[in-house]
Amino acid sequence: MKRRKGVTLLELLIVLGIVTILVALALPGYKRFMLTARTTEAKVNIGAIIICEDSYAADADKYLTERYYPDGSPGTSARIWNPDNSGNFKEIGFQPSGRVYYSYGVAAGDQSSNPAGANPSHGEVAVTKNADITVIAKGDLDGDGRLGYFCTTDLRYPKIKGSIGDI
């Protein structure tokens, strides 16, 4: 009896089918993992901004507010953080490492119950015993056009509220 070399088309199709099923099972988990990792960016950067704001306020007796940066609508792609254009973020010493998926803003007062309605702008706020600032991260990691928010106030540190809205 003659022995054949190689694999048959049927064997190849079976292996291809098994690989396809494994990829189909793994892909949703991978996407969930990536979204979780990217939301961690927002939480870490919000915490860093609060620390920078508190350090600045300890010396200057005021907090600095700032419009959302980087400019434009956040999406599924990471964007460059240019410290020369980051306004008061540069002044307080905040500089994230690498690219960012979220836009960050610092608004006056307690905006944590409705961060979507907050309108952060470039300015300053005196330090009081009340919530003086709200640090907000907005992003659209899944690319569906609906923004998700994370936020905290200077009084709630390190309690970060979110995700509010969509991811």
N, C-alpha and C. Protein backbone atom coordinates (compact mmCIF):
# COMPACT_ATOMS: atom_id res chain seq x y z
N MET A 1 0.83 -1.17 0.00
CA MET A 1 0.00 0.00 0.00
C MET A 1 0.89 1.25 0.00
N LYS A 2 0.53 2.20 -0.85
CA LYS A 2 1.31 3.41 -1.02
C LYS A 2 0.86 4.46 0.01
N ARG A 3 1.83 5.05 0.67
CA ARG A 3 1.51 6.09 1.66
C ARG A 3 1.49 7.44 0.99
N ARG A 4 0.47 8.24 1.28
CA ARG A 4 0.40 9.57 0.67
C ARG A 4 1.09 10.60 1.55
N LYS A 5 1.57 11.68 0.92
CA LYS A 5 2.24 12.77 1.64
C LYS A 5 1.34 13.99 1.62
N GLY A 6 1.41 14.81 2.68
CA GLY A 6 0.62 16.04 2.73
C GLY A 6 -0.72 15.84 3.40
N VAL A 7 -1.59 16.85 3.27
CA VAL A 7 -2.91 16.82 3.89
C VAL A 7 -3.98 16.93 2.81
N THR A 8 -5.13 16.43 3.12
CA THR A 8 -6.23 16.51 2.16
C THR A 8 -6.95 17.84 2.32
N LEU A 9 -7.74 18.17 1.33
CA LEU A 9 -8.53 19.39 1.37
C LEU A 9 -9.52 19.37 2.54
N LEU A 10 -10.07 18.23 2.83
CA LEU A 10 -11.02 18.09 3.94
C LEU A 10 -10.34 18.38 5.29
N GLU A 11 -9.16 17.85 5.47
CA GLU A 11 -8.41 18.10 6.71
C GLU A 11 -8.09 19.59 6.85
N LEU A 12 -7.71 20.20 5.76
CA LEU A 12 -7.39 21.63 5.78
C LEU A 12 -8.62 22.46 6.13
N LEU A 13 -9.78 22.10 5.56
CA LEU A 13 -11.03 22.82 5.86
C LEU A 13 -11.44 22.65 7.32
N ILE A 14 -11.24 21.48 7.87
CA ILE A 14 -11.56 21.23 9.28
C ILE A 14 -10.70 22.11 10.18
N VAL A 15 -9.40 22.16 9.93
CA VAL A 15 -8.49 23.01 10.72
C VAL A 15 -8.88 24.48 10.58
N LEU A 16 -9.18 24.91 9.36
CA LEU A 16 -9.59 26.29 9.12
C LEU A 16 -10.87 26.62 9.88
N GLY A 17 -11.82 25.69 9.91
CA GLY A 17 -13.07 25.89 10.65
C GLY A 17 -12.82 26.02 12.14
N ILE A 18 -11.95 25.19 12.68
CA ILE A 18 -11.63 25.25 14.11
C ILE A 18 -10.97 26.58 14.46
N VAL A 19 -10.02 27.02 13.65
CA VAL A 19 -9.35 28.30 13.89
C VAL A 19 -10.35 29.45 13.82
N THR A 20 -11.26 29.42 12.86
CA THR A 20 -12.28 30.47 12.73
C THR A 20 -13.15 30.53 13.97
N ILE A 21 -13.57 29.39 14.47
CA ILE A 21 -14.40 29.35 15.68
C ILE A 21 -13.63 29.91 16.88
N LEU A 22 -12.37 29.54 17.02
CA LEU A 22 -11.56 30.05 18.14
C LEU A 22 -11.40 31.56 18.07
N VAL A 23 -11.17 32.09 16.88
CA VAL A 23 -11.04 33.55 16.71
C VAL A 23 -12.36 34.23 17.04
N ALA A 24 -13.47 33.67 16.59
CA ALA A 24 -14.79 34.25 16.86
C ALA A 24 -15.09 34.28 18.35
N LEU A 25 -14.63 33.28 19.08
CA LEU A 25 -14.83 33.24 20.53
C LEU A 25 -13.91 34.22 21.26
N ALA A 26 -12.71 34.41 20.76
CA ALA A 26 -11.73 35.25 21.45
C ALA A 26 -11.90 36.74 21.17
N LEU A 27 -12.42 37.11 20.01
CA LEU A 27 -12.50 38.52 19.61
C LEU A 27 -13.32 39.39 20.55
N PRO A 28 -14.52 39.00 20.99
CA PRO A 28 -15.26 39.86 21.92
C PRO A 28 -14.52 40.09 23.24
N GLY A 29 -13.86 39.07 23.73
CA GLY A 29 -13.07 39.21 24.96
C GLY A 29 -11.92 40.19 24.77
N TYR A 30 -11.28 40.11 23.63
CA TYR A 30 -10.18 41.01 23.33
C TYR A 30 -10.67 42.45 23.25
N LYS A 31 -11.81 42.67 22.59
CA LYS A 31 -12.37 44.03 22.48
C LYS A 31 -12.73 44.57 23.85
N ARG A 32 -13.32 43.72 24.69
CA ARG A 32 -13.67 44.15 26.05
C ARG A 32 -12.41 44.51 26.84
N PHE A 33 -11.37 43.70 26.69
CA PHE A 33 -10.10 43.96 27.36
C PHE A 33 -9.53 45.30 26.91
N MET A 34 -9.56 45.60 25.63
CA MET A 34 -9.02 46.86 25.11
C MET A 34 -9.82 48.06 25.62
N LEU A 35 -11.15 47.95 25.67
CA LEU A 35 -11.96 49.04 26.20
C LEU A 35 -11.66 49.29 27.67
N THR A 36 -11.49 48.21 28.43
CA THR A 36 -11.16 48.35 29.85
C THR A 36 -9.81 49.02 30.03
N ALA A 37 -8.85 48.62 29.24
CA ALA A 37 -7.51 49.22 29.33
C ALA A 37 -7.56 50.70 28.98
N ARG A 38 -8.35 51.06 28.00
CA ARG A 38 -8.43 52.46 27.59
C ARG A 38 -9.21 53.30 28.59
N THR A 39 -10.20 52.73 29.28
CA THR A 39 -10.90 53.49 30.31
C THR A 39 -9.99 53.71 31.52
N THR A 40 -9.05 52.81 31.72
CA THR A 40 -8.06 53.01 32.79
C THR A 40 -7.26 54.27 32.55
N GLU A 41 -6.97 54.58 31.29
CA GLU A 41 -6.26 55.83 30.96
C GLU A 41 -6.98 57.04 31.56
N ALA A 42 -8.31 57.09 31.40
CA ALA A 42 -9.08 58.22 31.90
C ALA A 42 -8.97 58.33 33.41
N LYS A 43 -9.11 57.22 34.11
CA LYS A 43 -9.06 57.23 35.57
C LYS A 43 -7.69 57.67 36.08
N VAL A 44 -6.65 57.15 35.47
CA VAL A 44 -5.28 57.50 35.88
C VAL A 44 -5.01 58.98 35.62
N ASN A 45 -5.39 59.47 34.45
CA ASN A 45 -5.12 60.87 34.12
C ASN A 45 -5.95 61.83 34.96
N ILE A 46 -7.20 61.47 35.28
CA ILE A 46 -8.01 62.31 36.17
C ILE A 46 -7.34 62.41 37.53
N GLY A 47 -6.88 61.28 38.06
CA GLY A 47 -6.17 61.30 39.33
C GLY A 47 -4.92 62.16 39.28
N ALA A 48 -4.18 62.07 38.18
CA ALA A 48 -2.96 62.88 38.03
C ALA A 48 -3.29 64.37 37.94
N ILE A 49 -4.37 64.72 37.23
CA ILE A 49 -4.77 66.13 37.12
C ILE A 49 -5.16 66.67 38.49
N ILE A 50 -5.90 65.90 39.28
CA ILE A 50 -6.29 66.34 40.63
C ILE A 50 -5.05 66.57 41.49
N ILE A 51 -4.09 65.67 41.42
CA ILE A 51 -2.85 65.85 42.19
C ILE A 51 -2.13 67.12 41.76
N CYS A 52 -2.03 67.34 40.45
CA CYS A 52 -1.38 68.56 39.93
C CYS A 52 -2.15 69.81 40.37
N GLU A 53 -3.48 69.76 40.30
CA GLU A 53 -4.30 70.90 40.72
C GLU A 53 -4.12 71.19 42.21
N ASP A 54 -4.14 70.13 43.04
CA ASP A 54 -3.96 70.33 44.48
C ASP A 54 -2.58 70.90 44.80
N SER A 55 -1.56 70.43 44.11
CA SER A 55 -0.21 70.97 44.32
C SER A 55 -0.14 72.43 43.93
N TYR A 56 -0.73 72.76 42.80
CA TYR A 56 -0.74 74.15 42.33
C TYR A 56 -1.53 75.03 43.31
N ALA A 57 -2.69 74.54 43.76
CA ALA A 57 -3.54 75.31 44.67
C ALA A 57 -2.87 75.53 46.02
N ALA A 58 -2.05 74.58 46.46
CA ALA A 58 -1.35 74.74 47.73
C ALA A 58 -0.40 75.94 47.69
N ASP A 59 0.18 76.21 46.53
CA ASP A 59 1.10 77.35 46.37
C ASP A 59 0.38 78.64 46.00
N ALA A 60 -0.60 78.55 45.10
CA ALA A 60 -1.21 79.75 44.52
C ALA A 60 -2.57 80.11 45.14
N ASP A 61 -3.13 79.24 45.97
CA ASP A 61 -4.44 79.44 46.58
C ASP A 61 -5.55 79.60 45.53
N LYS A 62 -5.39 78.92 44.42
CA LYS A 62 -6.42 78.92 43.37
C LYS A 62 -6.22 77.68 42.52
N TYR A 63 -7.33 77.24 41.91
CA TYR A 63 -7.29 76.17 40.93
C TYR A 63 -7.36 76.79 39.55
N LEU A 64 -6.78 76.11 38.58
CA LEU A 64 -6.86 76.57 37.19
C LEU A 64 -7.83 75.67 36.43
N THR A 65 -8.77 76.28 35.74
CA THR A 65 -9.70 75.52 34.91
C THR A 65 -9.19 75.55 33.47
N GLU A 66 -9.67 74.60 32.69
CA GLU A 66 -9.21 74.53 31.29
C GLU A 66 -10.27 73.86 30.43
N ARG A 67 -10.34 74.32 29.17
CA ARG A 67 -11.24 73.75 28.18
C ARG A 67 -10.80 72.31 27.89
N TYR A 68 -11.67 71.58 27.20
CA TYR A 68 -11.31 70.21 26.84
C TYR A 68 -10.08 70.21 25.94
N TYR A 69 -9.15 69.33 26.26
CA TYR A 69 -7.96 69.16 25.45
C TYR A 69 -7.60 67.69 25.42
N PRO A 70 -7.15 67.11 24.33
CA PRO A 70 -6.98 67.68 23.01
C PRO A 70 -8.33 68.10 22.40
N ASP A 71 -8.23 69.10 21.52
CA ASP A 71 -9.42 69.65 20.86
C ASP A 71 -10.08 68.61 19.97
N GLY A 72 -11.32 68.89 19.63
CA GLY A 72 -12.05 68.01 18.71
C GLY A 72 -12.78 66.90 19.44
N SER A 73 -13.51 66.15 18.69
CA SER A 73 -14.29 65.05 19.26
C SER A 73 -13.41 63.83 19.45
N PRO A 74 -13.42 63.28 20.66
CA PRO A 74 -12.65 62.06 20.88
C PRO A 74 -13.29 60.90 20.13
N GLY A 75 -12.48 59.97 19.72
CA GLY A 75 -12.98 58.81 18.98
C GLY A 75 -12.23 57.56 19.33
N THR A 76 -12.15 56.65 18.39
CA THR A 76 -11.51 55.37 18.63
C THR A 76 -10.00 55.41 18.45
N SER A 77 -9.48 56.51 17.93
CA SER A 77 -8.03 56.63 17.71
C SER A 77 -7.41 57.51 18.78
N ALA A 78 -6.22 57.14 19.20
CA ALA A 78 -5.49 57.95 20.17
C ALA A 78 -5.00 59.24 19.50
N ARG A 79 -4.97 60.31 20.30
CA ARG A 79 -4.54 61.61 19.77
C ARG A 79 -3.31 62.10 20.51
N ILE A 80 -2.56 62.94 19.84
CA ILE A 80 -1.32 63.48 20.42
C ILE A 80 -1.65 64.58 21.42
N TRP A 81 -0.96 64.56 22.55
CA TRP A 81 -1.06 65.61 23.55
C TRP A 81 0.14 66.53 23.35
N ASN A 82 -0.10 67.73 22.87
CA ASN A 82 0.96 68.70 22.65
C ASN A 82 1.01 69.65 23.84
N PRO A 83 2.04 69.57 24.69
CA PRO A 83 2.08 70.40 25.89
C PRO A 83 2.09 71.90 25.60
N ASP A 84 2.58 72.30 24.44
CA ASP A 84 2.62 73.72 24.11
C ASP A 84 1.23 74.30 23.87
N ASN A 85 0.25 73.46 23.55
CA ASN A 85 -1.11 73.93 23.28
C ASN A 85 -2.09 73.55 24.38
N SER A 86 -1.61 73.00 25.48
CA SER A 86 -2.52 72.46 26.50
C SER A 86 -2.95 73.46 27.56
N GLY A 87 -2.62 74.74 27.40
CA GLY A 87 -3.11 75.79 28.29
C GLY A 87 -2.73 75.58 29.75
N ASN A 88 -3.73 75.62 30.63
CA ASN A 88 -3.48 75.51 32.07
C ASN A 88 -3.02 74.12 32.49
N PHE A 89 -3.23 73.11 31.66
CA PHE A 89 -2.69 71.80 32.00
C PHE A 89 -1.17 71.88 32.08
N LYS A 90 -0.57 72.63 31.19
CA LYS A 90 0.88 72.82 31.22
C LYS A 90 1.27 73.62 32.46
N GLU A 91 0.47 74.61 32.81
CA GLU A 91 0.75 75.48 33.96
C GLU A 91 0.76 74.69 35.28
N ILE A 92 -0.16 73.73 35.42
CA ILE A 92 -0.21 72.94 36.66
C ILE A 92 0.78 71.78 36.64
N GLY A 93 1.39 71.53 35.49
CA GLY A 93 2.40 70.48 35.38
C GLY A 93 1.87 69.13 34.95
N PHE A 94 0.69 69.09 34.34
CA PHE A 94 0.14 67.82 33.87
C PHE A 94 0.57 67.55 32.44
N GLN A 95 1.17 66.39 32.23
CA GLN A 95 1.59 65.96 30.90
C GLN A 95 1.46 64.44 30.83
N PRO A 96 0.41 63.94 30.17
CA PRO A 96 0.28 62.48 30.07
C PRO A 96 1.37 61.89 29.19
N SER A 97 1.64 60.62 29.41
CA SER A 97 2.65 59.97 28.58
C SER A 97 1.98 59.39 27.35
N GLY A 98 2.56 59.64 26.21
CA GLY A 98 2.05 59.09 24.97
C GLY A 98 0.77 59.77 24.48
N ARG A 99 0.05 59.04 23.65
CA ARG A 99 -1.19 59.55 23.07
C ARG A 99 -2.36 59.27 24.02
N VAL A 100 -3.46 60.02 23.83
CA VAL A 100 -4.62 59.86 24.71
C VAL A 100 -5.88 59.58 23.89
N TYR A 101 -6.79 58.79 24.46
CA TYR A 101 -8.07 58.47 23.82
C TYR A 101 -9.18 59.41 24.29
N TYR A 102 -8.99 60.07 25.41
CA TYR A 102 -10.00 60.95 25.99
C TYR A 102 -9.59 62.41 25.84
N SER A 103 -10.58 63.29 25.90
CA SER A 103 -10.34 64.72 26.05
C SER A 103 -10.57 65.06 27.51
N TYR A 104 -9.73 65.92 28.06
CA TYR A 104 -9.80 66.25 29.48
C TYR A 104 -10.12 67.73 29.64
N GLY A 105 -10.95 68.03 30.64
CA GLY A 105 -11.30 69.40 30.95
C GLY A 105 -11.42 69.59 32.44
N VAL A 106 -11.24 70.83 32.90
CA VAL A 106 -11.42 71.17 34.31
C VAL A 106 -12.43 72.30 34.35
N ALA A 107 -13.59 72.03 34.98
CA ALA A 107 -14.68 73.00 35.06
C ALA A 107 -14.78 73.54 36.47
N ALA A 108 -15.29 74.75 36.59
CA ALA A 108 -15.51 75.36 37.90
C ALA A 108 -16.72 74.73 38.56
N GLY A 109 -16.66 74.54 39.88
CA GLY A 109 -17.78 74.03 40.65
C GLY A 109 -17.94 72.52 40.55
N ASP A 110 -19.02 72.03 41.16
CA ASP A 110 -19.31 70.59 41.17
C ASP A 110 -20.20 70.26 39.98
N GLN A 111 -19.62 69.69 38.95
CA GLN A 111 -20.34 69.29 37.74
C GLN A 111 -20.48 67.78 37.66
N SER A 112 -20.20 67.09 38.77
CA SER A 112 -20.15 65.63 38.72
C SER A 112 -21.50 64.97 38.49
N SER A 113 -22.60 65.65 38.79
CA SER A 113 -23.91 65.04 38.56
C SER A 113 -24.31 65.10 37.08
N ASN A 114 -23.70 66.02 36.32
CA ASN A 114 -24.00 66.14 34.89
C ASN A 114 -22.76 66.61 34.14
N PRO A 115 -21.75 65.74 34.01
CA PRO A 115 -20.53 66.18 33.33
C PRO A 115 -20.75 66.51 31.86
N ALA A 116 -21.76 65.91 31.24
CA ALA A 116 -22.03 66.20 29.83
C ALA A 116 -22.48 67.65 29.65
N GLY A 117 -23.09 68.23 30.67
CA GLY A 117 -23.55 69.62 30.60
C GLY A 117 -22.51 70.63 31.01
N ALA A 118 -21.36 70.16 31.50
CA ALA A 118 -20.30 71.08 31.92
C ALA A 118 -19.67 71.75 30.71
N ASN A 119 -19.22 72.96 30.90
CA ASN A 119 -18.56 73.71 29.83
C ASN A 119 -17.23 74.24 30.35
N PRO A 120 -16.23 73.37 30.42
CA PRO A 120 -14.94 73.81 30.93
C PRO A 120 -14.34 74.93 30.08
N SER A 121 -13.73 75.89 30.74
CA SER A 121 -13.09 76.99 30.02
C SER A 121 -11.78 77.35 30.70
N HIS A 122 -10.97 78.11 30.01
CA HIS A 122 -9.67 78.55 30.51
C HIS A 122 -9.91 79.63 31.56
N GLY A 123 -9.46 79.41 32.79
CA GLY A 123 -9.65 80.40 33.84
C GLY A 123 -9.06 79.94 35.16
N GLU A 124 -9.57 80.54 36.25
CA GLU A 124 -9.11 80.18 37.58
C GLU A 124 -10.26 80.28 38.57
N VAL A 125 -10.12 79.54 39.68
CA VAL A 125 -11.15 79.47 40.71
C VAL A 125 -10.46 79.52 42.06
N ALA A 126 -10.97 80.35 42.97
CA ALA A 126 -10.41 80.44 44.32
C ALA A 126 -10.66 79.15 45.09
N VAL A 127 -9.76 78.79 45.97
CA VAL A 127 -9.90 77.60 46.79
C VAL A 127 -10.85 77.90 47.95
N THR A 128 -11.89 77.07 48.12
CA THR A 128 -12.83 77.20 49.24
C THR A 128 -13.02 75.83 49.87
N LYS A 129 -13.91 75.75 50.85
CA LYS A 129 -14.18 74.46 51.49
C LYS A 129 -15.16 73.62 50.68
N ASN A 130 -15.78 74.20 49.66
CA ASN A 130 -16.73 73.49 48.81
C ASN A 130 -16.01 72.86 47.62
N ALA A 131 -16.77 72.14 46.80
CA ALA A 131 -16.20 71.58 45.57
C ALA A 131 -15.92 72.74 44.62
N ASP A 132 -14.66 72.98 44.35
CA ASP A 132 -14.27 74.13 43.54
C ASP A 132 -14.11 73.79 42.07
N ILE A 133 -13.68 72.56 41.78
CA ILE A 133 -13.46 72.16 40.39
C ILE A 133 -13.95 70.73 40.17
N THR A 134 -14.25 70.43 38.91
CA THR A 134 -14.56 69.07 38.48
C THR A 134 -13.64 68.74 37.32
N VAL A 135 -12.90 67.67 37.45
CA VAL A 135 -12.04 67.19 36.36
C VAL A 135 -12.85 66.16 35.58
N ILE A 136 -12.93 66.36 34.27
CA ILE A 136 -13.78 65.53 33.42
C ILE A 136 -12.96 64.92 32.28
N ALA A 137 -13.22 63.66 32.01
CA ALA A 137 -12.67 62.99 30.83
C ALA A 137 -13.85 62.56 29.98
N LYS A 138 -13.83 62.92 28.69
CA LYS A 138 -14.90 62.46 27.79
C LYS A 138 -14.27 61.69 26.65
N GLY A 139 -14.95 60.60 26.25
CA GLY A 139 -14.42 59.77 25.19
C GLY A 139 -15.52 58.99 24.48
N ASP A 140 -15.17 58.46 23.33
CA ASP A 140 -16.08 57.63 22.53
C ASP A 140 -15.27 56.44 22.02
N LEU A 141 -14.93 55.54 22.92
CA LEU A 141 -14.03 54.44 22.57
C LEU A 141 -14.63 53.44 21.59
N ASP A 142 -15.95 53.28 21.62
CA ASP A 142 -16.55 52.30 20.72
C ASP A 142 -16.97 52.91 19.39
N GLY A 143 -16.78 54.22 19.22
CA GLY A 143 -17.00 54.87 17.93
C GLY A 143 -18.45 54.99 17.49
N ASP A 144 -19.39 54.95 18.44
CA ASP A 144 -20.80 55.04 18.05
C ASP A 144 -21.35 56.46 18.07
N GLY A 145 -20.50 57.45 18.38
CA GLY A 145 -20.94 58.85 18.38
C GLY A 145 -21.51 59.33 19.69
N ARG A 146 -21.69 58.44 20.66
CA ARG A 146 -22.19 58.83 21.99
C ARG A 146 -21.02 58.87 22.96
N LEU A 147 -20.87 60.00 23.65
CA LEU A 147 -19.74 60.18 24.55
C LEU A 147 -20.00 59.55 25.91
N GLY A 148 -18.94 59.03 26.51
CA GLY A 148 -18.94 58.54 27.88
C GLY A 148 -18.06 59.46 28.71
N TYR A 149 -18.37 59.61 29.99
CA TYR A 149 -17.66 60.56 30.86
C TYR A 149 -17.18 59.88 32.14
N PHE A 150 -16.04 60.31 32.60
CA PHE A 150 -15.54 60.02 33.94
C PHE A 150 -15.26 61.38 34.57
N CYS A 151 -15.49 61.50 35.88
CA CYS A 151 -15.21 62.79 36.51
C CYS A 151 -14.98 62.64 38.01
N THR A 152 -14.40 63.66 38.60
CA THR A 152 -14.25 63.76 40.04
C THR A 152 -14.13 65.23 40.40
N THR A 153 -14.40 65.54 41.65
CA THR A 153 -14.20 66.92 42.13
C THR A 153 -13.00 66.93 43.07
N ASP A 154 -12.56 68.13 43.43
CA ASP A 154 -11.44 68.24 44.35
C ASP A 154 -11.79 67.68 45.74
N LEU A 155 -13.08 67.60 46.08
CA LEU A 155 -13.48 67.05 47.38
C LEU A 155 -13.64 65.54 47.36
N ARG A 156 -13.84 64.96 46.21
CA ARG A 156 -14.11 63.52 46.12
C ARG A 156 -12.88 62.70 45.79
N TYR A 157 -11.76 63.33 45.66
CA TYR A 157 -10.56 62.58 45.31
C TYR A 157 -10.30 61.54 46.38
N PRO A 158 -10.00 60.31 46.11
CA PRO A 158 -9.74 59.73 44.79
C PRO A 158 -10.95 59.05 44.18
N LYS A 159 -12.18 59.37 44.62
CA LYS A 159 -13.40 58.75 44.08
C LYS A 159 -13.67 59.30 42.70
N ILE A 160 -13.53 58.46 41.68
CA ILE A 160 -13.79 58.87 40.30
C ILE A 160 -15.12 58.29 39.87
N LYS A 161 -15.99 59.15 39.41
CA LYS A 161 -17.34 58.77 39.04
C LYS A 161 -17.36 58.44 37.55
N GLY A 162 -17.96 57.35 37.17
CA GLY A 162 -18.08 57.00 35.76
C GLY A 162 -18.19 55.52 35.61
N SER A 163 -18.37 55.02 34.48
CA SER A 163 -18.58 55.76 33.25
C SER A 163 -20.02 56.26 33.20
N ILE A 164 -20.16 57.53 32.91
CA ILE A 164 -21.47 58.17 32.80
C ILE A 164 -21.76 58.27 31.32
N GLY A 165 -22.85 57.70 30.87
CA GLY A 165 -23.13 57.68 29.45
C GLY A 165 -22.52 56.45 28.81
N ASP A 166 -22.24 56.57 27.54
CA ASP A 166 -21.68 55.47 26.77
C ASP A 166 -20.19 55.42 26.97
N ILE A 167 -19.56 54.29 26.63
CA ILE A 167 -18.10 54.17 26.78
C ILE A 167 -17.41 55.04 25.77
